[in-house]
């Protein structure tokens, strides 16, 4: 995206086709949150619960992305700030609950982890494929596709954790994956908040110049 590409007008999400795809992805992620959280609680899997929180976070993110399409920079930046803060809260919750499980360790149900992890992978893979043709849009549009693609990769990690739990009869692989996912949440939240703050400053400068 360097050089002359920076001057190209990028797709900003203002099309009926993209909005329809976003609604479909919102429905998929919202449904998987319910399924995966219930499975995570009943199987005592922190990795599944962490991934479920990722699904509800994505659902909110996609809904916000849908809402701010075509709106002013300040509105989009404020929305991004909300996304970042929410993601940070989720990351801290997963991290705290993972630390708690280290001291009260139990072995989760590997079969449930594997089956539901596979379902989550399919859901995110379908979402990524639906968004594939919109992957080269602006930052708001592209981040939605990257989110689904990265989540599909995360689901593979949950399946790997299930294999570790089954082969070792230990809950540590589950905790390790949950800890990694919590770190990713916090890392992504930091990047989003930093970018959103920069965009809010830019919007403020622009408003000042117009007023002057």
Protein backbone atom coordinates (compact mmCIF):
# COMPACT_ATOMS: atom_id res chain seq x y z
CA UNK A 1 0.00 0.00 0.00
CA UNK A 2 2.92 2.36 -0.50
CA UNK A 3 3.67 4.99 -3.11
CA UNK A 4 0.90 5.90 -5.50
CA UNK A 5 -1.48 3.49 -3.81
CA UNK A 6 -1.79 5.95 -0.93
CA UNK A 7 -3.59 8.41 -3.22
CA UNK A 8 -6.22 5.90 -4.36
CA UNK A 9 -9.77 6.30 -3.10
CA UNK A 10 -10.49 3.20 -1.03
CA UNK A 11 -13.81 1.49 -0.44
CA UNK A 12 -15.34 2.87 2.77
CA UNK A 13 -18.15 0.33 3.19
CA UNK A 14 -20.91 2.39 1.61
CA UNK A 15 -22.66 -0.33 -0.39
CA UNK A 16 -25.72 -2.49 0.20
CA UNK A 17 -23.72 -5.66 -0.49
CA UNK A 18 -21.19 -4.85 2.24
CA UNK A 19 -23.91 -3.95 4.73
CA UNK A 20 -25.69 -7.26 4.04
CA UNK A 21 -22.45 -9.16 4.61
CA UNK A 22 -21.86 -7.31 7.88
CA UNK A 23 -25.35 -8.24 9.10
CA UNK A 24 -24.67 -11.90 8.24
CA UNK A 25 -21.33 -11.83 10.07
CA UNK A 26 -22.96 -10.16 13.10
CA UNK A 27 -25.56 -12.97 13.23
CA UNK A 28 -22.90 -15.68 12.94
CA UNK A 29 -20.71 -14.19 15.69
CA UNK A 30 -23.59 -13.49 18.05
CA UNK A 31 -24.87 -17.06 17.74
CA UNK A 32 -21.42 -18.55 18.30
CA UNK A 33 -20.93 -16.45 21.43
CA UNK A 34 -23.95 -18.13 23.04
CA UNK A 35 -22.92 -21.63 21.92
CA UNK A 36 -19.27 -21.29 22.90
CA UNK A 37 -19.82 -19.59 26.24
CA UNK A 38 -22.29 -22.29 27.33
CA UNK A 39 -19.86 -24.98 26.18
CA UNK A 40 -16.95 -23.24 27.91
CA UNK A 41 -18.79 -23.01 31.23
CA UNK A 42 -20.06 -26.61 31.16
CA UNK A 43 -16.69 -28.03 30.07
CA UNK A 44 -14.69 -25.75 32.42
CA UNK A 45 -12.58 -24.54 29.48
CA UNK A 46 -11.08 -21.08 29.85
CA UNK A 47 -9.88 -21.17 26.23
CA UNK A 48 -13.47 -21.66 25.01
CA UNK A 49 -14.73 -18.91 27.30
CA UNK A 50 -12.00 -16.57 26.08
CA UNK A 51 -12.90 -17.33 22.48
CA UNK A 52 -16.60 -16.80 23.27
CA UNK A 53 -15.78 -13.35 24.61
CA UNK A 54 -13.90 -12.73 21.39
CA UNK A 55 -17.09 -13.58 19.48
CA UNK A 56 -19.22 -11.12 21.45
CA UNK A 57 -16.49 -8.51 21.12
CA UNK A 58 -16.44 -9.07 17.37
CA UNK A 59 -20.24 -8.82 17.23
CA UNK A 60 -20.09 -5.42 18.92
CA UNK A 61 -17.16 -4.35 16.74
CA UNK A 62 -18.96 -5.27 13.52
CA UNK A 63 -22.13 -3.52 14.71
CA UNK A 64 -20.17 -0.35 15.49
CA UNK A 65 -18.37 -0.59 12.14
CA UNK A 66 -21.74 -0.84 10.41
CA UNK A 67 -23.08 2.16 12.32
CA UNK A 68 -20.16 4.50 11.57
CA UNK A 69 -19.94 3.81 7.83
CA UNK A 70 -19.97 7.16 6.03
CA UNK A 71 -19.77 9.24 9.21
CA UNK A 72 -17.24 11.93 10.15
CA UNK A 73 -13.69 11.12 11.27
CA UNK A 74 -14.42 12.18 14.85
CA UNK A 75 -17.36 9.77 15.07
CA UNK A 76 -15.34 6.89 13.62
CA UNK A 77 -12.41 7.61 15.95
CA UNK A 78 -14.70 7.75 19.00
CA UNK A 79 -16.21 4.42 17.96
CA UNK A 80 -12.72 2.95 17.63
CA UNK A 81 -11.87 4.22 21.12
CA UNK A 82 -14.93 2.40 22.51
CA UNK A 83 -13.88 -0.78 20.67
CA UNK A 84 -10.39 -0.56 22.14
CA UNK A 85 -11.58 -0.02 25.71
CA UNK A 86 -14.05 -2.90 25.46
CA UNK A 87 -11.35 -5.19 24.11
CA UNK A 88 -9.01 -4.20 26.95
CA UNK A 89 -11.68 -5.06 29.53
CA UNK A 90 -12.22 -8.47 27.91
CA UNK A 91 -8.48 -9.11 27.87
CA UNK A 92 -8.12 -8.24 31.56
CA UNK A 93 -11.06 -10.48 32.47
CA UNK A 94 -9.60 -13.44 30.58
CA UNK A 95 -6.17 -12.84 32.11
CA UNK A 96 -7.57 -12.62 35.66
CA UNK A 97 -9.72 -15.73 35.28
CA UNK A 98 -6.77 -17.62 33.79
CA UNK A 99 -4.57 -16.72 36.78
CA UNK A 100 -7.39 -17.86 39.09
CA UNK A 101 -7.52 -21.22 37.32
CA UNK A 102 -3.77 -21.69 37.82
CA UNK A 103 -4.42 -21.93 41.58
CA UNK A 104 -7.67 -23.89 41.27
CA UNK A 105 -6.69 -26.10 38.36
CA UNK A 106 -9.09 -28.63 36.91
CA UNK A 107 -8.92 -30.56 33.66
CA UNK A 108 -11.47 -29.29 31.10
CA UNK A 109 -13.47 -31.57 28.82
CA UNK A 110 -11.19 -32.03 25.80
CA UNK A 111 -13.97 -33.46 23.60
CA UNK A 112 -16.21 -30.43 24.10
CA UNK A 113 -13.25 -28.11 23.54
CA UNK A 114 -12.39 -29.82 20.26
CA UNK A 115 -15.95 -30.01 18.89
CA UNK A 116 -16.95 -26.45 19.78
CA UNK A 117 -13.52 -25.14 18.76
CA UNK A 118 -14.06 -26.70 15.34
CA UNK A 119 -17.52 -25.10 15.11
CA UNK A 120 -16.00 -21.73 15.99
CA UNK A 121 -13.33 -22.19 13.32
CA UNK A 122 -15.99 -22.88 10.68
CA UNK A 123 -17.98 -19.81 11.79
CA UNK A 124 -14.96 -17.52 11.55
CA UNK A 125 -13.76 -19.07 8.30
CA UNK A 126 -17.20 -18.46 6.73
CA UNK A 127 -17.16 -14.88 8.04
CA UNK A 128 -13.68 -14.32 6.60
CA UNK A 129 -14.74 -15.71 3.22
CA UNK A 130 -17.84 -13.48 3.15
CA UNK A 131 -15.63 -10.46 3.83
CA UNK A 132 -12.80 -11.51 1.53
CA UNK A 133 -13.81 -9.34 -1.43
CA UNK A 134 -13.90 -6.27 0.83
CA UNK A 135 -10.46 -6.85 2.37
CA UNK A 136 -8.78 -3.97 0.48
CA UNK A 137 -11.03 -1.17 1.74
CA UNK A 138 -10.19 1.59 4.21
CA UNK A 139 -8.96 0.90 7.75
CA UNK A 140 -12.46 0.37 9.13
CA UNK A 141 -13.42 -2.07 6.37
CA UNK A 142 -10.11 -3.92 6.30
CA UNK A 143 -10.00 -4.34 10.08
CA UNK A 144 -13.29 -6.24 9.99
CA UNK A 145 -11.89 -8.82 7.57
CA UNK A 146 -8.60 -9.11 9.43
CA UNK A 147 -10.52 -9.65 12.66
CA UNK A 148 -12.38 -12.66 11.24
CA UNK A 149 -9.27 -14.06 9.61
CA UNK A 150 -7.24 -13.78 12.81
CA UNK A 151 -10.07 -15.31 14.83
CA UNK A 152 -10.07 -18.36 12.58
CA UNK A 153 -6.37 -18.75 13.35
CA UNK A 154 -7.16 -18.41 17.07
CA UNK A 155 -9.74 -21.19 16.81
CA UNK A 156 -7.05 -23.50 15.50
CA UNK A 157 -5.12 -22.72 18.68
CA UNK A 158 -8.15 -23.77 20.77
CA UNK A 159 -8.32 -27.05 18.86
CA UNK A 160 -4.60 -27.52 19.49
CA UNK A 161 -5.20 -26.86 23.20
CA UNK A 162 -7.93 -29.51 23.21
CA UNK A 163 -5.46 -31.99 21.75
CA UNK A 164 -2.97 -31.09 24.48
CA UNK A 165 -5.57 -31.48 27.23
CA UNK A 166 -6.59 -34.89 25.86
CA UNK A 167 -3.05 -36.23 25.37
CA UNK A 168 -1.60 -34.88 28.63
CA UNK A 169 -4.73 -35.15 30.81
CA UNK A 170 -3.82 -31.70 32.02
CA UNK A 171 -5.51 -28.30 32.02
CA UNK A 172 -2.29 -26.41 31.36
CA UNK A 173 -2.59 -26.38 27.53
CA UNK A 174 -6.05 -24.81 27.92
CA UNK A 175 -4.68 -22.18 30.29
CA UNK A 176 -1.74 -21.46 28.02
CA UNK A 177 -4.02 -20.75 25.04
CA UNK A 178 -6.35 -18.62 27.18
CA UNK A 179 -3.34 -16.62 28.40
CA UNK A 180 -2.08 -16.10 24.85
CA UNK A 181 -5.52 -14.95 23.72
CA UNK A 182 -5.73 -12.51 26.64
CA UNK A 183 -2.36 -11.07 25.61
CA UNK A 184 -3.57 -10.69 22.02
CA UNK A 185 -6.71 -8.89 23.24
CA UNK A 186 -4.63 -6.41 25.22
CA UNK A 187 -2.12 -5.92 22.39
CA UNK A 188 -4.92 -5.26 19.87
CA UNK A 189 -6.67 -2.93 22.32
CA UNK A 190 -3.47 -0.90 22.74
CA UNK A 191 -3.05 -0.51 18.98
CA UNK A 192 -6.70 0.47 18.48
CA UNK A 193 -6.63 3.02 21.31
CA UNK A 194 -3.38 4.55 20.05
CA UNK A 195 -4.75 4.94 16.51
CA UNK A 196 -8.12 6.21 17.75
CA UNK A 197 -6.41 8.83 19.92
CA UNK A 198 -4.39 10.00 16.94
CA UNK A 199 -7.51 10.27 14.79
CA UNK A 200 -9.37 12.18 17.50
CA UNK A 201 -6.49 14.66 17.69
CA UNK A 202 -6.53 15.01 13.90
CA UNK A 203 -10.29 15.61 13.94
CA UNK A 204 -9.85 18.25 16.65
CA UNK A 205 -7.13 20.03 14.65
CA UNK A 206 -9.33 19.97 11.56
CA UNK A 207 -12.27 21.48 13.46
CA UNK A 208 -9.98 24.20 14.88
CA UNK A 209 -8.71 25.09 11.42
CA UNK A 210 -12.24 25.32 10.05
CA UNK A 211 -13.32 27.53 12.93
CA UNK A 212 -10.31 29.77 12.31
